PDB file of N, CA and C in Angstrom:
ATOM      1  N   MET A   1      -6.373 -37.399  23.310  1.00  0.00           N
ATOM      2  CA  MET A   1      -6.234 -38.171  21.611  1.00  0.00           C
ATOM      3  C   MET A   1      -4.512 -37.965  21.379  1.00  0.00           C
ATOM      4  N   SER A   2      -4.355 -39.013  20.622  1.00  0.00           N
ATOM      5  CA  SER A   2      -2.840 -39.327  20.624  1.00  0.00           C
ATOM      6  C   SER A   2      -2.620 -38.185  18.962  1.00  0.00           C
ATOM      7  N   LEU A   3      -1.441 -38.549  18.814  1.00  0.00           N
ATOM      8  CA  LEU A   3      -0.401 -37.692  17.762  1.00  0.00           C
ATOM      9  C   LEU A   3      -1.298 -38.123  16.290  1.00  0.00           C
ATOM     10  N   LEU A   4      -1.286 -39.684  15.873  1.00  0.00           N
ATOM     11  CA  LEU A   4      -2.379 -40.051  14.520  1.00  0.00           C
ATOM     12  C   LEU A   4      -3.624 -39.656  14.743  1.00  0.00           C
ATOM     13  N   SER A   5      -4.249 -39.727  15.661  1.00  0.00           N
ATOM     14  CA  SER A   5      -5.885 -39.459  15.782  1.00  0.00           C
ATOM     15  C   SER A   5      -5.799 -38.002  15.550  1.00  0.00           C
ATOM     16  N   ASP A   6      -4.899 -36.941  15.985  1.00  0.00           N
ATOM     17  CA  ASP A   6      -5.096 -35.612  15.786  1.00  0.00           C
ATOM     18  C   ASP A   6      -4.728 -35.176  14.203  1.00  0.00           C
ATOM     19  N   LEU A   7      -3.285 -36.097  13.826  1.00  0.00           N
ATOM     20  CA  LEU A   7      -3.387 -36.046  12.246  1.00  0.00           C
ATOM     21  C   LEU A   7      -4.607 -36.410  11.280  1.00  0.00           C
ATOM     22  N   ILE A   8      -5.193 -37.889  11.696  1.00  0.00           N
ATOM     23  CA  ILE A   8      -6.492 -38.114  10.865  1.00  0.00           C
ATOM     24  C   ILE A   8      -7.948 -37.056  10.887  1.00  0.00           C
ATOM     25  N   GLN A   9      -7.666 -36.641  12.200  1.00  0.00           N
ATOM     26  CA  GLN A   9      -8.904 -35.564  12.503  1.00  0.00           C
ATOM     27  C   GLN A   9      -8.491 -34.543  11.206  1.00  0.00           C
ATOM     28  N   ILE A  10      -7.149 -33.602  11.199  1.00  0.00           N
ATOM     29  CA  ILE A  10      -7.096 -32.703  10.631  1.00  0.00           C
ATOM     30  C   ILE A  10      -7.006 -32.845   8.987  1.00  0.00           C
ATOM     31  N   ALA A  11      -6.824 -34.386   9.205  1.00  0.00           N
ATOM     32  CA  ALA A  11      -6.705 -34.563   7.356  1.00  0.00           C
ATOM     33  C   ALA A  11      -8.126 -34.495   6.679  1.00  0.00           C
ATOM     34  N   GLY A  12      -9.055 -34.964   7.627  1.00  0.00           N
ATOM     35  CA  GLY A  12     -10.669 -34.479   7.174  1.00  0.00           C
ATOM     36  C   GLY A  12     -11.463 -33.826   7.403  1.00  0.00           C
ATOM     37  N   ASP A  13     -11.228 -32.784   7.926  1.00  0.00           N
ATOM     38  CA  ASP A  13     -11.985 -31.478   8.324  1.00  0.00           C
ATOM     39  C   ASP A  13     -11.386 -30.361   7.045  1.00  0.00           C
ATOM     40  N   SER A  14     -10.608 -30.527   6.622  1.00  0.00           N
ATOM     41  CA  SER A  14     -10.197 -29.561   5.471  1.00  0.00           C
ATOM     42  C   SER A  14      -9.562 -30.495   3.937  1.00  0.00           C
ATOM     43  N   ASN A  15      -9.647 -29.279   3.047  1.00  0.00           N
ATOM     44  CA  ASN A  15      -8.801 -29.828   1.831  1.00  0.00           C
ATOM     45  C   ASN A  15      -8.021 -29.697   1.756  1.00  0.00           C
ATOM     46  N   ARG A  16      -6.871 -29.484   2.821  1.00  0.00           N
ATOM     47  CA  ARG A  16      -5.286 -29.163   2.535  1.00  0.00           C
ATOM     48  C   ARG A  16      -4.786 -30.427   3.270  1.00  0.00           C
ATOM     49  N   THR A  17      -3.521 -30.510   2.178  1.00  0.00           N
ATOM     50  CA  THR A  17      -2.874 -32.060   2.783  1.00  0.00           C
ATOM     51  C   THR A  17      -2.244 -31.411   4.069  1.00  0.00           C
ATOM     52  N   TRP A  18      -1.636 -32.589   4.410  1.00  0.00           N
ATOM     53  CA  TRP A  18      -1.095 -32.672   5.720  1.00  0.00           C
ATOM     54  C   TRP A  18       0.659 -31.664   5.528  1.00  0.00           C
ATOM     55  N   ALA A  19       0.606 -31.317   4.643  1.00  0.00           N
ATOM     56  CA  ALA A  19       2.049 -30.547   4.670  1.00  0.00           C
ATOM     57  C   ALA A  19       1.701 -29.520   4.731  1.00  0.00           C
ATOM     58  N   GLN A  20       0.613 -29.238   4.030  1.00  0.00           N
ATOM     59  CA  GLN A  20      -0.245 -27.587   4.147  1.00  0.00           C
ATOM     60  C   GLN A  20      -0.801 -26.979   5.345  1.00  0.00           C
ATOM     61  N   SER A  21      -0.851 -28.143   6.283  1.00  0.00           N
ATOM     62  CA  SER A  21      -1.083 -27.696   7.485  1.00  0.00           C
ATOM     63  C   SER A  21      -0.837 -27.442   8.340  1.00  0.00           C
ATOM     64  N   LEU A  22       0.787 -27.710   8.282  1.00  0.00           N
ATOM     65  CA  LEU A  22       2.110 -27.379   9.171  1.00  0.00           C
ATOM     66  C   LEU A  22       2.253 -26.119   8.984  1.00  0.00           C
ATOM     67  N   ASN A  23       3.038 -25.275  10.044  1.00  0.00           N
ATOM     68  CA  ASN A  23       3.172 -24.281  10.283  1.00  0.00           C
ATOM     69  C   ASN A  23       4.730 -24.156  11.352  1.00  0.00           C
ATOM     70  N   GLN A  24       5.670 -22.979  10.894  1.00  0.00           N
ATOM     71  CA  GLN A  24       6.761 -22.927  11.616  1.00  0.00           C
ATOM     72  C   GLN A  24       6.638 -22.297  12.714  1.00  0.00           C
ATOM     73  N   ALA A  25       6.948 -22.583  13.540  1.00  0.00           N
ATOM     74  CA  ALA A  25       7.705 -21.997  14.942  1.00  0.00           C
ATOM     75  C   ALA A  25       9.286 -22.194  15.575  1.00  0.00           C
ATOM     76  N   SER A  26       9.492 -21.547  16.582  1.00  0.00           N
ATOM     77  CA  SER A  26      11.138 -22.360  16.779  1.00  0.00           C
ATOM     78  C   SER A  26      10.656 -21.829  18.472  1.00  0.00           C
ATOM     79  N   PHE A  27      12.083 -22.467  19.212  1.00  0.00           N
ATOM     80  CA  PHE A  27      12.405 -22.419  20.687  1.00  0.00           C
ATOM     81  C   PHE A  27      13.392 -21.640  20.775  1.00  0.00           C
ATOM     82  N   ARG A  28      13.776 -20.185  21.082  1.00  0.00           N
ATOM     83  CA  ARG A  28      15.428 -20.090  21.446  1.00  0.00           C
ATOM     84  C   ARG A  28      16.469 -20.608  19.998  1.00  0.00           C
ATOM     85  N   GLY A  29      15.552 -20.082  19.023  1.00  0.00           N
ATOM     86  CA  GLY A  29      16.015 -20.026  17.323  1.00  0.00           C
ATOM     87  C   GLY A  29      15.972 -21.417  16.707  1.00  0.00           C
ATOM     88  N   VAL A  30      15.562 -22.287  17.462  1.00  0.00           N
ATOM     89  CA  VAL A  30      15.889 -23.656  16.901  1.00  0.00           C
ATOM     90  C   VAL A  30      14.029 -24.312  16.441  1.00  0.00           C
ATOM     91  N   PRO A  31      13.913 -24.449  15.095  1.00  0.00           N
ATOM     92  CA  PRO A  31      12.667 -24.052  15.258  1.00  0.00           C
ATOM     93  C   PRO A  31      11.950 -25.668  14.648  1.00  0.00           C
ATOM     94  N   PHE A  32      10.871 -25.889  14.655  1.00  0.00           N
ATOM     95  CA  PHE A  32      10.266 -26.897  14.655  1.00  0.00           C
ATOM     96  C   PHE A  32       8.633 -26.808  13.958  1.00  0.00           C
ATOM     97  N   ALA A  33       8.198 -27.853  13.412  1.00  0.00           N
ATOM     98  CA  ALA A  33       6.540 -27.723  12.785  1.00  0.00           C
ATOM     99  C   ALA A  33       5.669 -27.910  13.694  1.00  0.00           C
ATOM    100  N   VAL A  34       4.717 -27.461  13.599  1.00  0.00           N
ATOM    101  CA  VAL A  34       3.318 -26.929  14.534  1.00  0.00           C
ATOM    102  C   VAL A  34       2.236 -27.262  13.318  1.00  0.00           C
ATOM    103  N   TYR A  35       1.097 -28.312  14.048  1.00  0.00           N
ATOM    104  CA  TYR A  35       0.058 -28.697  13.353  1.00  0.00           C
ATOM    105  C   TYR A  35      -1.183 -27.826  13.910  1.00  0.00           C
ATOM    106  N   GLY A  36      -1.350 -27.386  15.073  1.00  0.00           N
ATOM    107  CA  GLY A  36      -2.582 -27.279  16.039  1.00  0.00           C
ATOM    108  C   GLY A  36      -1.860 -26.916  17.474  1.00  0.00           C
ATOM    109  N   GLY A  37      -3.159 -26.309  18.078  1.00  0.00           N
ATOM    110  CA  GLY A  37      -2.834 -25.754  19.610  1.00  0.00           C
ATOM    111  C   GLY A  37      -4.181 -25.394  20.245  1.00  0.00           C
ATOM    112  N   GLU A  38      -3.736 -24.423  21.147  1.00  0.00           N
ATOM    113  CA  GLU A  38      -4.954 -24.137  21.825  1.00  0.00           C
ATOM    114  C   GLU A  38      -4.426 -23.201  22.786  1.00  0.00           C
ATOM    115  N   ALA A  39      -5.189 -22.066  23.104  1.00  0.00           N
ATOM    116  CA  ALA A  39      -5.203 -20.907  23.564  1.00  0.00           C
ATOM    117  C   ALA A  39      -5.956 -20.430  24.679  1.00  0.00           C
ATOM    118  N   ARG A  40      -5.535 -19.949  25.848  1.00  0.00           N
ATOM    119  CA  ARG A  40      -6.030 -18.989  26.916  1.00  0.00           C
ATOM    120  C   ARG A  40      -6.079 -18.261  27.376  1.00  0.00           C
ATOM    121  N   PHE A  41      -7.094 -16.948  27.129  1.00  0.00           N
ATOM    122  CA  PHE A  41      -6.660 -15.786  27.639  1.00  0.00           C
ATOM    123  C   PHE A  41      -8.070 -15.314  28.333  1.00  0.00           C
ATOM    124  N   GLY A  42      -7.535 -14.525  29.185  1.00  0.00           N
ATOM    125  CA  GLY A  42      -8.733 -13.707  29.696  1.00  0.00           C
ATOM    126  C   GLY A  42      -8.750 -13.152  31.325  1.00  0.00           C
ATOM    127  N   ARG A  43      -9.464 -13.271  31.878  1.00  0.00           N
ATOM    128  CA  ARG A  43      -9.190 -12.205  32.871  1.00  0.00           C
ATOM    129  C   ARG A  43      -9.797 -13.312  34.020  1.00  0.00           C
ATOM    130  N   ARG A  44      -9.165 -12.885  35.428  1.00  0.00           N
ATOM    131  CA  ARG A  44      -9.475 -13.887  36.798  1.00  0.00           C
ATOM    132  C   ARG A  44     -10.330 -13.161  37.507  1.00  0.00           C
ATOM    133  N   GLN A  45     -11.589 -13.943  37.829  1.00  0.00           N
ATOM    134  CA  GLN A  45     -12.597 -13.337  38.575  1.00  0.00           C
ATOM    135  C   GLN A  45     -12.802 -14.307  39.752  1.00  0.00           C
ATOM    136  N   ALA A  46     -12.938 -13.239  40.749  1.00  0.00           N
ATOM    137  CA  ALA A  46     -13.490 -14.192  41.818  1.00  0.00           C
ATOM    138  C   ALA A  46     -15.130 -14.034  42.199  1.00  0.00           C
ATOM    139  N   VAL A  47     -15.805 -15.143  42.369  1.00  0.00           N
ATOM    140  CA  VAL A  47     -17.155 -14.747  42.816  1.00  0.00           C
ATOM    141  C   VAL A  47     -17.391 -14.920  44.240  1.00  0.00           C
ATOM    142  N   HIS A  48     -18.023 -14.148  44.883  1.00  0.00           N
ATOM    143  CA  HIS A  48     -18.644 -14.371  46.185  1.00  0.00           C
ATOM    144  C   HIS A  48     -20.058 -14.146  46.052  1.00  0.00           C
ATOM    145  N   GLU A  49     -20.302 -15.068  47.027  1.00  0.00           N
ATOM    146  CA  GLU A  49     -22.080 -15.498  47.272  1.00  0.00           C
ATOM    147  C   GLU A  49     -21.981 -14.958  48.874  1.00  0.00           C
ATOM    148  N   TYR A  50     -23.199 -14.311  49.324  1.00  0.00           N
ATOM    149  CA  TYR A  50     -23.413 -13.981  50.776  1.00  0.00           C
ATOM    150  C   TYR A  50     -24.944 -14.468  50.684  1.00  0.00           C
ATOM    151  N   PRO A  51     -24.860 -14.830  52.159  1.00  0.00           N
ATOM    152  CA  PRO A  51     -25.987 -15.758  53.124  1.00  0.00           C
ATOM    153  C   PRO A  51     -27.217 -14.440  52.630  1.00  0.00           C
ATOM    154  N   GLY A  52     -28.623 -14.994  52.427  1.00  0.00           N
ATOM    155  CA  GLY A  52     -29.370 -13.966  52.250  1.00  0.00           C
ATOM    156  C   GLY A  52     -29.594 -13.395  50.631  1.00  0.00           C
ATOM    157  N   ALA A  53     -28.588 -13.336  49.940  1.00  0.00           N
ATOM    158  CA  ALA A  53     -28.140 -12.420  48.573  1.00  0.00           C
ATOM    159  C   ALA A  53     -28.740 -13.321  47.630  1.00  0.00           C
ATOM    160  N   ASP A  54     -29.551 -12.631  46.348  1.00  0.00           N
ATOM    161  CA  ASP A  54     -29.730 -13.642  45.446  1.00  0.00           C
ATOM    162  C   ASP A  54     -28.879 -13.308  44.570  1.00  0.00           C
ATOM    163  N   LYS A  55     -27.931 -12.231  44.446  1.00  0.00           N
ATOM    164  CA  LYS A  55     -26.789 -12.347  43.489  1.00  0.00           C
ATOM    165  C   LYS A  55     -25.777 -11.979  43.733  1.00  0.00           C
ATOM    166  N   PRO A  56     -24.611 -12.556  42.918  1.00  0.00           N
ATOM    167  CA  PRO A  56     -23.353 -13.005  43.899  1.00  0.00           C
ATOM    168  C   PRO A  56     -22.551 -11.474  43.131  1.00  0.00           C
ATOM    169  N   TYR A  57     -22.049 -11.173  43.978  1.00  0.00           N
ATOM    170  CA  TYR A  57     -20.523 -10.217  43.272  1.00  0.00           C
ATOM    171  C   TYR A  57     -19.276 -10.704  42.958  1.00  0.00           C
ATOM    172  N   ILE A  58     -19.269 -10.090  41.222  1.00  0.00           N
ATOM    173  CA  ILE A  58     -17.825 -10.745  41.128  1.00  0.00           C
ATOM    174  C   ILE A  58     -16.917  -9.649  41.108  1.00  0.00           C
ATOM    175  N   GLU A  59     -15.887  -9.982  41.601  1.00  0.00           N
ATOM    176  CA  GLU A  59     -14.210  -9.388  41.852  1.00  0.00           C
ATOM    177  C   GLU A  59     -13.603  -9.643  40.118  1.00  0.00           C
ATOM    178  N   ASP A  60     -12.968  -8.395  39.924  1.00  0.00           N
ATOM    179  CA  ASP A  60     -12.367  -8.818  38.840  1.00  0.00           C
ATOM    180  C   ASP A  60     -11.018  -8.631  39.338  1.00  0.00           C
ATOM    181  N   MET A  61      -9.910  -9.609  39.219  1.00  0.00           N
ATOM    182  CA  MET A  61      -8.893 -10.154  39.935  1.00  0.00           C
ATOM    183  C   MET A  61      -7.499  -9.544  38.791  1.00  0.00           C
ATOM    184  N   GLY A  62      -7.950  -9.182  37.476  1.00  0.00           N
ATOM    185  CA  GLY A  62      -6.702  -8.724  36.670  1.00  0.00           C
ATOM    186  C   GLY A  62      -6.955  -9.974  35.535  1.00  0.00           C
ATOM    187  N   ARG A  63      -6.072  -9.614  34.667  1.00  0.00           N
ATOM    188  CA  ARG A  63      -5.376 -10.033  33.741  1.00  0.00           C
ATOM    189  C   ARG A  63      -5.090 -11.619  34.239  1.00  0.00           C
ATOM    190  N   SER A  64      -5.137 -12.790  33.257  1.00  0.00           N
ATOM    191  CA  SER A  64      -5.003 -14.165  33.706  1.00  0.00           C
ATOM    192  C   SER A  64      -3.731 -14.370  33.152  1.00  0.00           C
ATOM    193  N   THR A  65      -3.235 -15.188  33.772  1.00  0.00           N
ATOM    194  CA  THR A  65      -1.828 -16.059  32.376  1.00  0.00           C
ATOM    195  C   THR A  65      -2.203 -16.507  31.434  1.00  0.00           C
ATOM    196  N   ARG A  66      -1.530 -15.873  30.339  1.00  0.00           N
ATOM    197  CA  ARG A  66      -1.977 -16.506  28.829  1.00  0.00           C
ATOM    198  C   ARG A  66      -1.445 -18.026  28.775  1.00  0.00           C
ATOM    199  N   ARG A  67      -1.936 -18.896  28.345  1.00  0.00           N
ATOM    200  CA  ARG A  67      -1.440 -19.821  28.715  1.00  0.00           C
ATOM    201  C   ARG A  67      -1.729 -20.404  26.936  1.00  0.00           C
ATOM    202  N   ILE A  68      -0.473 -20.888  26.298  1.00  0.00           N
ATOM    203  CA  ILE A  68      -0.259 -21.471  25.032  1.00  0.00           C
ATOM    204  C   ILE A  68       0.125 -22.755  25.023  1.00  0.00           C
ATOM    205  N   ARG A  69      -0.303 -23.866  24.546  1.00  0.00           N
ATOM    206  CA  ARG A  69       0.003 -25.076  24.393  1.00  0.00           C
ATOM    207  C   ARG A  69      -0.174 -25.195  22.710  1.00  0.00           C
ATOM    208  N   MET A  70       0.860 -25.809  21.943  1.00  0.00           N
ATOM    209  CA  MET A  70       1.345 -26.527  20.802  1.00  0.00           C
ATOM    210  C   MET A  70       1.640 -27.432  20.770  1.00  0.00           C
ATOM    211  N   THR A  71       0.971 -28.545  19.521  1.00  0.00           N
ATOM    212  CA  THR A  71       1.548 -29.832  19.082  1.00  0.00           C
ATOM    213  C   THR A  71       2.358 -29.562  17.593  1.00  0.00           C
ATOM    214  N   GLY A  72       3.797 -29.939  18.323  1.00  0.00           N
ATOM    215  CA  GLY A  72       4.725 -29.481  17.320  1.00  0.00           C
ATOM    216  C   GLY A  72       5.613 -30.940  16.864  1.00  0.00           C
ATOM    217  N   PHE A  73       6.682 -30.962  16.178  1.00  0.00           N
ATOM    218  CA  PHE A  73       7.376 -32.299  15.757  1.00  0.00           C
ATOM    219  C   PHE A  73       8.120 -32.008  14.828  1.00  0.00           C
ATOM    220  N   LEU A  74       9.464 -32.809  14.868  1.00  0.00           N
ATOM    221  CA  LEU A  74      10.419 -32.505  13.974  1.00  0.00           C
ATOM    222  C   LEU A  74      10.274 -33.439  12.488  1.00  0.00           C
ATOM    223  N   VAL A  75      10.940 -32.798  11.395  1.00  0.00           N
ATOM    224  CA  VAL A  75      10.935 -33.718  10.082  1.00  0.00           C
ATOM    225  C   VAL A  75      12.022 -33.343   9.377  1.00  0.00           C
ATOM    226  N   THR A  76      12.617 -34.621   9.196  1.00  0.00           N
ATOM    227  CA  THR A  76      13.849 -34.524   8.668  1.00  0.00           C
ATOM    228  C   THR A  76      13.704 -33.513   7.489  1.00  0.00           C
ATOM    229  N   ASP A  77      14.963 -32.469   6.989  1.00  0.00           N
ATOM    230  CA  ASP A  77      14.832 -31.851   5.581  1.00  0.00           C
ATOM    231  C   ASP A  77      13.248 -31.218   5.248  1.00  0.00           C
ATOM    232  N   SER A  78      12.926 -30.642   6.353  1.00  0.00           N
ATOM    233  CA  SER A  78      11.670 -30.162   6.161  1.00  0.00           C
ATOM    234  C   SER A  78      11.145 -29.185   4.992  1.00  0.00           C
ATOM    235  N   ALA A  79      10.788 -29.074   4.783  1.00  0.00           N
ATOM    236  CA  ALA A  79      10.112 -28.102   3.364  1.00  0.00           C
ATOM    237  C   ALA A  79       9.714 -26.751   3.970  1.00  0.00           C
ATOM    238  N   ILE A  80       9.150 -27.394   5.025  1.00  0.00           N
ATOM    239  CA  ILE A  80       8.186 -25.525   5.955  1.00  0.00           C
ATOM    240  C   ILE A  80       9.848 -25.061   6.311  1.00  0.00           C
ATOM    241  N   TYR A  81      10.418 -25.483   7.428  1.00  0.00           N
ATOM    242  CA  TYR A  81      11.041 -25.393   8.123  1.00  0.00           C
ATOM    243  C   TYR A  81      12.683 -25.133   7.980  1.00  0.00           C
ATOM    244  N   GLY A  82      13.177 -26.297   6.854  1.00  0.00           N
ATOM    245  CA  GLY A  82      14.291 -27.123   6.949  1.00  0.00           C
ATOM    246  C   GLY A  82      14.992 -28.017   7.770  1.00  0.00           C
ATOM    247  N   GLY A  83      15.730 -27.366   8.766  1.00  0.00           N
ATOM    248  CA  GLY A  83      16.175 -28.435   9.714  1.00  0.00           C
ATOM    249  C   GLY A  83      17.197 -29.159   9.835  1.00  0.00           C
ATOM    250  N   GLY A  84      17.099 -29.911   8.527  1.00  0.00           N
ATOM    251  CA  GLY A  84      18.233 -31.215   8.267  1.00  0.00           C
ATOM    252  C   GLY A  84      18.034 -32.083   9.024  1.00  0.00           C
ATOM    253  N   ASN A  85      18.933 -32.846   9.351  1.00  0.00           N
ATOM    254  CA  ASN A  85      18.859 -34.149  10.024  1.00  0.00           C
ATOM    255  C   ASN A  85      17.719 -34.360  11.287  1.00  0.00           C
ATOM    256  N   VAL A  86      17.066 -35.258  11.263  1.00  0.00           N
ATOM    257  CA  VAL A  86      16.243 -35.296  12.860  1.00  0.00           C
ATOM    258  C   VAL A  86      16.396 -35.255  14.025  1.00  0.00           C
ATOM    259  N   LEU A  87      17.667 -36.290  14.169  1.00  0.00           N
ATOM    260  CA  LEU A  87      18.114 -36.371  15.425  1.00  0.00           C
ATOM    261  C   LEU A  87      19.144 -35.250  16.027  1.00  0.00           C
ATOM    262  N   ALA A  88      19.724 -34.462  14.769  1.00  0.00           N
ATOM    263  CA  ALA A  88      20.588 -33.514  15.222  1.00  0.00           C
ATOM    264  C   ALA A  88      19.535 -32.266  15.300  1.00  0.00           C
ATOM    265  N   GLN A  89      18.361 -32.044  14.753  1.00  0.00           N
ATOM    266  CA  GLN A  89      17.313 -30.875  15.546  1.00  0.00           C
ATOM    267  C   GLN A  89      17.206 -31.714  16.921  1.00  0.00           C
ATOM    268  N   ARG A  90      16.550 -32.799  16.932  1.00  0.00           N
ATOM    269  CA  ARG A  90      16.173 -33.257  17.987  1.00  0.00           C
ATOM    270  C   ARG A  90      16.865 -32.848  19.593  1.00  0.00           C
ATOM    271  N   ASP A  91      18.286 -33.041  19.475  1.00  0.00           N
ATOM    272  CA  ASP A  91      19.504 -32.907  20.133  1.00  0.00           C
ATOM    273  C   ASP A  91      19.642 -31.163  20.513  1.00  0.00           C
ATOM    274  N   ALA A  92      19.307 -30.226  19.478  1.00  0.00           N
ATOM    275  CA  ALA A  92      19.277 -28.819  19.542  1.00  0.00           C
ATOM    276  C   ALA A  92      17.755 -28.708  20.099  1.00  0.00           C
ATOM    277  N   LEU A  93      16.501 -29.145  20.155  1.00  0.00           N
ATOM    278  CA  LEU A  93      15.921 -28.631  20.841  1.00  0.00           C
ATOM    279  C   LEU A  93      15.881 -28.978  22.131  1.00  0.00           C
ATOM    280  N   VAL A  94      16.337 -30.025  22.682  1.00  0.00           N
ATOM    281  CA  VAL A  94      16.491 -30.751  24.057  1.00  0.00           C
ATOM    282  C   VAL A  94      17.684 -29.773  24.510  1.00  0.00           C
ATOM    283  N   ALA A  95      19.095 -29.178  24.061  1.00  0.00           N
ATOM    284  CA  ALA A  95      19.566 -28.262  24.924  1.00  0.00           C
ATOM    285  C   ALA A  95      18.711 -27.317  24.687  1.00  0.00           C
ATOM    286  N   ALA A  96      18.160 -26.761  23.778  1.00  0.00           N
ATOM    287  CA  ALA A  96      17.570 -25.386  24.259  1.00  0.00           C
ATOM    288  C   ALA A  96      16.796 -25.365  25.000  1.00  0.00           C
ATOM    289  N   ALA A  97      15.771 -26.479  25.403  1.00  0.00           N
ATOM    290  CA  ALA A  97      14.490 -26.730  26.695  1.00  0.00           C
ATOM    291  C   ALA A  97      15.684 -26.571  27.607  1.00  0.00           C
ATOM    292  N   GLU A  98      16.506 -27.046  27.861  1.00  0.00           N
ATOM    293  CA  GLU A  98      17.458 -27.608  29.246  1.00  0.00           C
ATOM    294  C   GLU A  98      17.976 -26.098  29.481  1.00  0.00           C
ATOM    295  N   LYS A  99      18.552 -25.156  28.593  1.00  0.00           N
ATOM    296  CA  LYS A  99      19.071 -24.101  29.124  1.00  0.00           C
ATOM    297  C   LYS A  99      18.593 -23.409  30.273  1.00  0.00           C
ATOM    298  N   GLN A 100      19.731 -22.593  30.860  1.00  0.00           N
ATOM    299  CA  GLN A 100      18.983 -22.614  32.003  1.00  0.00           C
ATOM    300  C   GLN A 100      18.081 -20.934  31.549  1.00  0.00           C
ATOM    301  N   GLY A 101      17.479 -20.188  32.288  1.00  0.00           N
ATOM    302  CA  GLY A 101      17.142 -18.850  32.347  1.00  0.00           C
ATOM    303  C   GLY A 101      15.795 -19.222  30.962  1.00  0.00           C
ATOM    304  N   PRO A 102      14.731 -18.253  30.705  1.00  0.00           N
ATOM    305  CA  PRO A 102      14.026 -17.870  29.975  1.00  0.00           C
ATOM    306  C   PRO A 102      14.343 -18.103  28.893  1.00  0.00           C
ATOM    307  N   GLY A 103      13.324 -18.304  27.395  1.00  0.00           N
ATOM    308  CA  GLY A 103      13.970 -18.372  26.198  1.00  0.00           C
ATOM    309  C   GLY A 103      12.553 -18.049  25.492  1.00  0.00           C
ATOM    310  N   ALA A 104      13.367 -17.245  24.301  1.00  0.00           N
ATOM    311  CA  ALA A 104      12.039 -16.741  23.461  1.00  0.00           C
ATOM    312  C   ALA A 104      11.330 -18.022  22.563  1.00  0.00           C
ATOM    313  N   LEU A 105      10.104 -17.822  22.471  1.00  0.00           N
ATOM    314  CA  LEU A 105       9.303 -19.323  21.869  1.00  0.00           C
ATOM    315  C   LEU A 105       8.364 -18.038  21.015  1.00  0.00           C
ATOM    316  N   MET A 106       8.778 -18.766  19.246  1.00  0.00           N
ATOM    317  CA  MET A 106       8.169 -17.996  18.251  1.00  0.00           C
ATOM    318  C   MET A 106       7.329 -18.682  17.859  1.00  0.00           C
ATOM    319  N   HIS A 107       5.887 -17.902  18.057  1.00  0.00           N
ATOM    320  CA  HIS A 107       4.583 -18.738  17.910  1.00  0.00           C
ATOM    321  C   HIS A 107       4.298 -18.431  16.409  1.00  0.00           C
ATOM    322  N   PRO A 108       3.749 -19.113  15.648  1.00  0.00           N
ATOM    323  CA  PRO A 108       3.460 -19.012  14.433  1.00  0.00           C
ATOM    324  C   PRO A 108       2.608 -17.862  13.688  1.00  0.00           C
ATOM    325  N   THR A 109       1.594 -17.907  14.821  1.00  0.00           N
ATOM    326  CA  THR A 109       0.503 -16.787  14.450  1.00  0.00           C
ATOM    327  C   THR A 109       0.843 -15.362  15.079  1.00  0.00           C
ATOM    328  N   LEU A 110       1.411 -15.438  16.684  1.00  0.00           N
ATOM    329  CA  LEU A 110       1.165 -14.764  18.194  1.00  0.00           C
ATOM    330  C   LEU A 110       2.927 -13.840  17.296  1.00  0.00           C
ATOM    331  N   GLY A 111       3.507 -14.704  16.959  1.00  0.00           N
ATOM    332  CA  GLY A 111       4.716 -14.082  17.729  1.00  0.00           C
ATOM    333  C   GLY A 111       5.838 -14.329  18.838  1.00  0.00           C
ATOM    334  N   ALA A 112       6.101 -13.648  18.916  1.00  0.00           N
ATOM    335  CA  ALA A 112       7.024 -13.615  20.194  1.00  0.00           C
ATOM    336  C   ALA A 112       6.167 -13.530  21.464  1.00  0.00           C
TER     337      ALA A 112
END
């Protein structure tokens, strides 16, 4: 789905305005707006099937890696997160993404 069709879907699914659907997030201190996303949590499992057995054996392999996907964007002088000029925001976000080493992502509802 494209960004435009996602926005149209959000607008049709609720009585909230597009601006009210935005949340604030940041990466390495650089803020941006988020309007949606998805997360996958759970445990890893290995299913073992054996000849002549009617039931498989399911082995717990431990917690799976948490995967969080957010759809975000930048807005000039956003009422949600501030930010100023969108081109300066873009440059700051690109610099944060290209900086060596791990960086903190602040999720709108999950935190760091």
